[in-house]
Amino acid sequence: MRQDPAAFGDQELALIYIARKLNDALRVEEALTAAGVDYAVEADHYSAGFIFRRQRVGAFVYVAPGSEQRARAVLRQARFVPFEPPA
């Protein structure tokens, strides 16, 4: 279920998805809510393009570290590719 980021207290939240389209953000929220996973969503900037770089705004989806693996599985089952941090 969607939570305010403050509801997670001092936990370092894990970024699991960056929705570039509103429709994708809504589908991700629907999948996580149906699975009973608590998550937070914040709008933030990301860079797009290779030759002509531009800043865009997307919906960043976060979960508590204890729910990260389950949330990633839910996203995969809903045919989304979870965000993987660079190595």
N, C-alpha and C. Protein backbone atom coordinates (compact mmCIF):
# COMPACT_ATOMS: atom_id res chain seq x y z
N MET A 1 0.84 -1.17 0.00
CA MET A 1 0.00 0.00 0.00
C MET A 1 0.89 1.24 0.00
N ARG A 2 0.46 2.27 -0.70
CA ARG A 2 1.25 3.50 -0.79
C ARG A 2 1.33 4.18 0.57
N GLN A 3 2.54 4.58 0.93
CA GLN A 3 2.80 5.24 2.20
C GLN A 3 3.54 6.55 1.94
N ASP A 4 3.44 7.45 2.88
CA ASP A 4 4.26 8.65 2.84
C ASP A 4 5.69 8.24 3.19
N PRO A 5 6.70 8.81 2.54
CA PRO A 5 8.08 8.41 2.87
C PRO A 5 8.41 8.55 4.35
N ALA A 6 7.79 9.49 5.04
CA ALA A 6 8.03 9.68 6.47
C ALA A 6 7.55 8.48 7.29
N ALA A 7 6.62 7.70 6.75
CA ALA A 7 6.09 6.54 7.46
C ALA A 7 7.15 5.46 7.65
N PHE A 8 8.21 5.49 6.86
CA PHE A 8 9.27 4.50 6.96
C PHE A 8 10.34 4.89 7.98
N GLY A 9 10.16 6.05 8.60
CA GLY A 9 11.11 6.49 9.64
C GLY A 9 12.48 6.78 9.07
N ASP A 10 13.51 6.34 9.78
CA ASP A 10 14.90 6.60 9.39
C ASP A 10 15.48 5.54 8.47
N GLN A 11 14.67 4.61 8.00
CA GLN A 11 15.17 3.55 7.13
C GLN A 11 15.67 4.13 5.81
N GLU A 12 16.73 3.56 5.29
CA GLU A 12 17.23 3.91 3.96
C GLU A 12 16.41 3.12 2.96
N LEU A 13 15.53 3.79 2.22
CA LEU A 13 14.64 3.10 1.29
C LEU A 13 15.38 2.66 0.03
N ALA A 14 14.94 1.56 -0.55
CA ALA A 14 15.55 1.01 -1.77
C ALA A 14 14.73 1.42 -2.98
N LEU A 15 15.40 1.99 -3.98
CA LEU A 15 14.75 2.36 -5.23
C LEU A 15 14.54 1.09 -6.06
N ILE A 16 13.29 0.82 -6.43
CA ILE A 16 13.03 -0.40 -7.19
C ILE A 16 12.51 -0.13 -8.60
N TYR A 17 12.03 1.09 -8.87
CA TYR A 17 11.51 1.37 -10.20
C TYR A 17 11.47 2.87 -10.45
N ILE A 18 11.74 3.26 -11.70
CA ILE A 18 11.59 4.65 -12.13
C ILE A 18 10.58 4.62 -13.28
N ALA A 19 9.39 5.16 -13.02
CA ALA A 19 8.34 5.20 -14.04
C ALA A 19 8.50 6.48 -14.85
N ARG A 20 8.67 6.32 -16.14
CA ARG A 20 8.83 7.48 -17.01
C ARG A 20 7.49 7.96 -17.55
N LYS A 21 6.46 7.11 -17.46
CA LYS A 21 5.12 7.45 -17.94
C LYS A 21 4.13 7.27 -16.79
N LEU A 22 3.12 8.11 -16.76
CA LEU A 22 2.11 8.04 -15.72
C LEU A 22 1.41 6.69 -15.72
N ASN A 23 1.10 6.16 -16.88
CA ASN A 23 0.42 4.87 -16.98
C ASN A 23 1.25 3.76 -16.33
N ASP A 24 2.57 3.77 -16.57
CA ASP A 24 3.44 2.77 -15.94
C ASP A 24 3.44 2.93 -14.43
N ALA A 25 3.51 4.17 -13.95
CA ALA A 25 3.50 4.42 -12.50
C ALA A 25 2.23 3.87 -11.86
N LEU A 26 1.11 4.10 -12.51
CA LEU A 26 -0.17 3.62 -11.97
C LEU A 26 -0.24 2.09 -11.96
N ARG A 27 0.28 1.45 -13.00
CA ARG A 27 0.28 -0.02 -13.05
C ARG A 27 1.22 -0.61 -11.99
N VAL A 28 2.37 0.03 -11.77
CA VAL A 28 3.30 -0.44 -10.73
C VAL A 28 2.64 -0.31 -9.36
N GLU A 29 2.00 0.82 -9.12
CA GLU A 29 1.31 1.01 -7.83
C GLU A 29 0.22 -0.03 -7.64
N GLU A 30 -0.53 -0.30 -8.69
CA GLU A 30 -1.60 -1.30 -8.61
C GLU A 30 -1.04 -2.68 -8.27
N ALA A 31 0.06 -3.07 -8.91
CA ALA A 31 0.66 -4.38 -8.67
C ALA A 31 1.18 -4.50 -7.24
N LEU A 32 1.86 -3.46 -6.76
CA LEU A 32 2.41 -3.50 -5.40
C LEU A 32 1.30 -3.48 -4.36
N THR A 33 0.26 -2.70 -4.59
CA THR A 33 -0.86 -2.65 -3.65
C THR A 33 -1.57 -4.00 -3.59
N ALA A 34 -1.80 -4.61 -4.75
CA ALA A 34 -2.47 -5.92 -4.79
C ALA A 34 -1.66 -6.98 -4.07
N ALA A 35 -0.33 -6.84 -4.08
CA ALA A 35 0.54 -7.81 -3.41
C ALA A 35 0.73 -7.49 -1.93
N GLY A 36 0.20 -6.37 -1.47
CA GLY A 36 0.33 -6.00 -0.06
C GLY A 36 1.69 -5.46 0.32
N VAL A 37 2.41 -4.89 -0.64
CA VAL A 37 3.74 -4.34 -0.38
C VAL A 37 3.61 -2.85 -0.08
N ASP A 38 4.21 -2.40 1.03
CA ASP A 38 4.24 -0.98 1.35
C ASP A 38 5.33 -0.31 0.53
N TYR A 39 5.00 0.84 -0.07
CA TYR A 39 5.95 1.55 -0.93
C TYR A 39 5.71 3.04 -0.84
N ALA A 40 6.68 3.80 -1.30
CA ALA A 40 6.58 5.26 -1.36
C ALA A 40 6.89 5.68 -2.78
N VAL A 41 6.25 6.76 -3.23
CA VAL A 41 6.49 7.30 -4.57
C VAL A 41 6.84 8.77 -4.44
N GLU A 42 7.91 9.17 -5.13
CA GLU A 42 8.31 10.57 -5.15
C GLU A 42 8.64 10.96 -6.58
N ALA A 43 8.28 12.16 -6.97
CA ALA A 43 8.67 12.69 -8.28
C ALA A 43 10.10 13.20 -8.16
N ASP A 44 10.92 12.90 -9.17
CA ASP A 44 12.31 13.34 -9.17
C ASP A 44 12.78 13.44 -10.62
N HIS A 45 13.94 14.02 -10.81
CA HIS A 45 14.51 14.20 -12.15
C HIS A 45 15.42 13.02 -12.51
N TYR A 46 15.42 12.68 -13.80
CA TYR A 46 16.37 11.70 -14.33
C TYR A 46 16.84 12.23 -15.68
N SER A 47 17.98 11.73 -16.15
CA SER A 47 18.53 12.16 -17.44
C SER A 47 18.11 11.19 -18.52
N ALA A 48 17.78 11.74 -19.70
CA ALA A 48 17.38 10.91 -20.83
C ALA A 48 18.15 11.37 -22.07
N GLY A 49 18.37 10.45 -22.98
CA GLY A 49 19.03 10.76 -24.24
C GLY A 49 20.53 10.56 -24.18
N PHE A 50 21.11 10.24 -25.32
CA PHE A 50 22.56 10.03 -25.41
C PHE A 50 23.25 11.24 -26.03
N ILE A 51 22.74 11.69 -27.15
CA ILE A 51 23.36 12.82 -27.83
C ILE A 51 22.86 14.13 -27.24
N PHE A 52 21.55 14.26 -27.14
CA PHE A 52 20.95 15.46 -26.58
C PHE A 52 20.40 15.11 -25.20
N ARG A 53 21.21 15.31 -24.19
CA ARG A 53 20.81 14.99 -22.81
C ARG A 53 19.77 15.99 -22.34
N ARG A 54 18.74 15.49 -21.70
CA ARG A 54 17.75 16.37 -21.11
C ARG A 54 17.25 15.81 -19.79
N GLN A 55 16.83 16.69 -18.95
CA GLN A 55 16.28 16.30 -17.66
C GLN A 55 14.78 16.11 -17.80
N ARG A 56 14.29 15.01 -17.26
CA ARG A 56 12.86 14.72 -17.26
C ARG A 56 12.43 14.38 -15.84
N VAL A 57 11.15 14.37 -15.62
CA VAL A 57 10.61 14.04 -14.30
C VAL A 57 9.91 12.69 -14.38
N GLY A 58 10.20 11.84 -13.40
CA GLY A 58 9.57 10.53 -13.34
C GLY A 58 9.10 10.22 -11.93
N ALA A 59 8.37 9.14 -11.80
CA ALA A 59 7.90 8.67 -10.49
C ALA A 59 8.88 7.61 -10.00
N PHE A 60 9.57 7.90 -8.91
CA PHE A 60 10.55 6.98 -8.32
C PHE A 60 9.84 6.19 -7.23
N VAL A 61 9.88 4.87 -7.34
CA VAL A 61 9.17 3.99 -6.40
C VAL A 61 10.19 3.36 -5.46
N TYR A 62 9.96 3.52 -4.15
CA TYR A 62 10.86 3.03 -3.11
C TYR A 62 10.13 2.06 -2.19
N VAL A 63 10.89 1.11 -1.63
CA VAL A 63 10.37 0.19 -0.61
C VAL A 63 11.38 0.08 0.53
N ALA A 64 10.93 -0.44 1.65
CA ALA A 64 11.83 -0.71 2.78
C ALA A 64 12.75 -1.86 2.38
N PRO A 65 13.98 -1.87 2.90
CA PRO A 65 14.93 -2.94 2.55
C PRO A 65 14.40 -4.36 2.77
N GLY A 66 13.60 -4.55 3.79
CA GLY A 66 13.06 -5.88 4.07
C GLY A 66 12.04 -6.36 3.05
N SER A 67 11.48 -5.45 2.27
CA SER A 67 10.48 -5.79 1.26
C SER A 67 11.04 -5.75 -0.16
N GLU A 68 12.30 -5.44 -0.30
CA GLU A 68 12.88 -5.21 -1.62
C GLU A 68 12.78 -6.43 -2.54
N GLN A 69 13.19 -7.60 -2.07
CA GLN A 69 13.17 -8.79 -2.92
C GLN A 69 11.76 -9.16 -3.35
N ARG A 70 10.83 -9.09 -2.41
CA ARG A 70 9.43 -9.40 -2.73
C ARG A 70 8.87 -8.39 -3.74
N ALA A 71 9.16 -7.11 -3.55
CA ALA A 71 8.68 -6.07 -4.46
C ALA A 71 9.24 -6.26 -5.85
N ARG A 72 10.53 -6.61 -5.95
CA ARG A 72 11.14 -6.86 -7.26
C ARG A 72 10.47 -8.05 -7.96
N ALA A 73 10.14 -9.08 -7.19
CA ALA A 73 9.45 -10.25 -7.76
C ALA A 73 8.06 -9.86 -8.27
N VAL A 74 7.37 -9.02 -7.52
CA VAL A 74 6.04 -8.56 -7.94
C VAL A 74 6.15 -7.77 -9.24
N LEU A 75 7.16 -6.91 -9.35
CA LEU A 75 7.34 -6.13 -10.58
C LEU A 75 7.64 -7.03 -11.77
N ARG A 76 8.50 -8.02 -11.56
CA ARG A 76 8.82 -8.94 -12.66
C ARG A 76 7.57 -9.72 -13.11
N GLN A 77 6.78 -10.13 -12.14
CA GLN A 77 5.56 -10.87 -12.44
C GLN A 77 4.58 -9.98 -13.23
N ALA A 78 4.60 -8.68 -12.96
CA ALA A 78 3.73 -7.74 -13.68
C ALA A 78 4.37 -7.26 -14.99
N ARG A 79 5.50 -7.87 -15.37
CA ARG A 79 6.21 -7.60 -16.61
C ARG A 79 6.89 -6.23 -16.64
N PHE A 80 7.40 -5.81 -15.48
CA PHE A 80 8.22 -4.61 -15.38
C PHE A 80 9.65 -5.05 -15.09
N VAL A 81 10.60 -4.24 -15.50
CA VAL A 81 12.00 -4.51 -15.21
C VAL A 81 12.40 -3.62 -14.04
N PRO A 82 12.68 -4.20 -12.86
CA PRO A 82 13.05 -3.39 -11.71
C PRO A 82 14.36 -2.64 -11.95
N PHE A 83 14.49 -1.50 -11.29
CA PHE A 83 15.71 -0.70 -11.36
C PHE A 83 16.84 -1.46 -10.69
N GLU A 84 17.97 -1.54 -11.35
CA GLU A 84 19.18 -2.14 -10.77
C GLU A 84 20.23 -1.04 -10.65
N PRO A 85 20.68 -0.78 -9.43
CA PRO A 85 21.69 0.27 -9.26
C PRO A 85 22.99 -0.09 -9.98
N PRO A 86 23.69 0.92 -10.51
CA PRO A 86 24.96 0.63 -11.18
C PRO A 86 25.98 0.03 -10.21
N ALA A 87 26.80 -0.84 -10.72
CA ALA A 87 27.78 -1.53 -9.86
C ALA A 87 28.90 -0.65 -9.44
